């Protein structure tokens, strides 16, 4: 149970601080984009060293799916992780909604800031639904591949893995914020979308399905990179 609680708390932390930065700093300027990207990346780093030894710090259903396909956790555990992550995202969305309605206009005064949007994702700037799907599949694939590689028991980076994962998330946000707002994480998208409503809620399925597809694709690719798929990396054909 403590793993699932850790995932709930970690996802709340990521969603609240990452989306909160997007709300009040805004993504309408280069400084806002960079600031939001750094906020998401640093949130992951902080949680990696806070709950990593408890749950592995997935705080993202797409990562959990990739780890489950790779065989790192059981499907029963994965379901518990998903429940905790979604609850954490929803709680963060509720608090962000309260902030947006109680504390504006005092907050959110920066150019490009939009507290009412709650840091939600969108498809318009990516050319519509299918463009957004492509962006999110590719971005999540790359992100989950980094996670699987840096945390691998044999080939991984060990303790510095959290830093590598956080930095990669910053890079992904820098590329994708102006396209989709960058999800790569269904739980991070679900919570704010529920409370923002409108197009954010209508299109939230994109930011559930596409990241899960990207996460699922990353697992077999990492298996191919790490070792021979036919013998699960136990043979000598590593070249």
Foldseek 3Di string as FASTA:
>chain_A
DVLLLLLLQLLLQLLQQLLVLCQFVADPDLVSLLRSLLRNLVSLLVSCVVCCVPHVSPLFLLLLLLCCVLVNDDVVVSVSSVVSSLNSLQVSLVVLLVCLPPPPPVTNPHPRHHSLLSLAWAAVQLPGLVSLLVLLLVLLLVLSLLSCQQPPPPRHVPPCSSNSSSVSSSVSSSVPCSRISDQLGLSSRVNNCVSSDDRSVVSSVSSVPSSNNSSNVNNVVSQVQQADPVVSRPDPPND
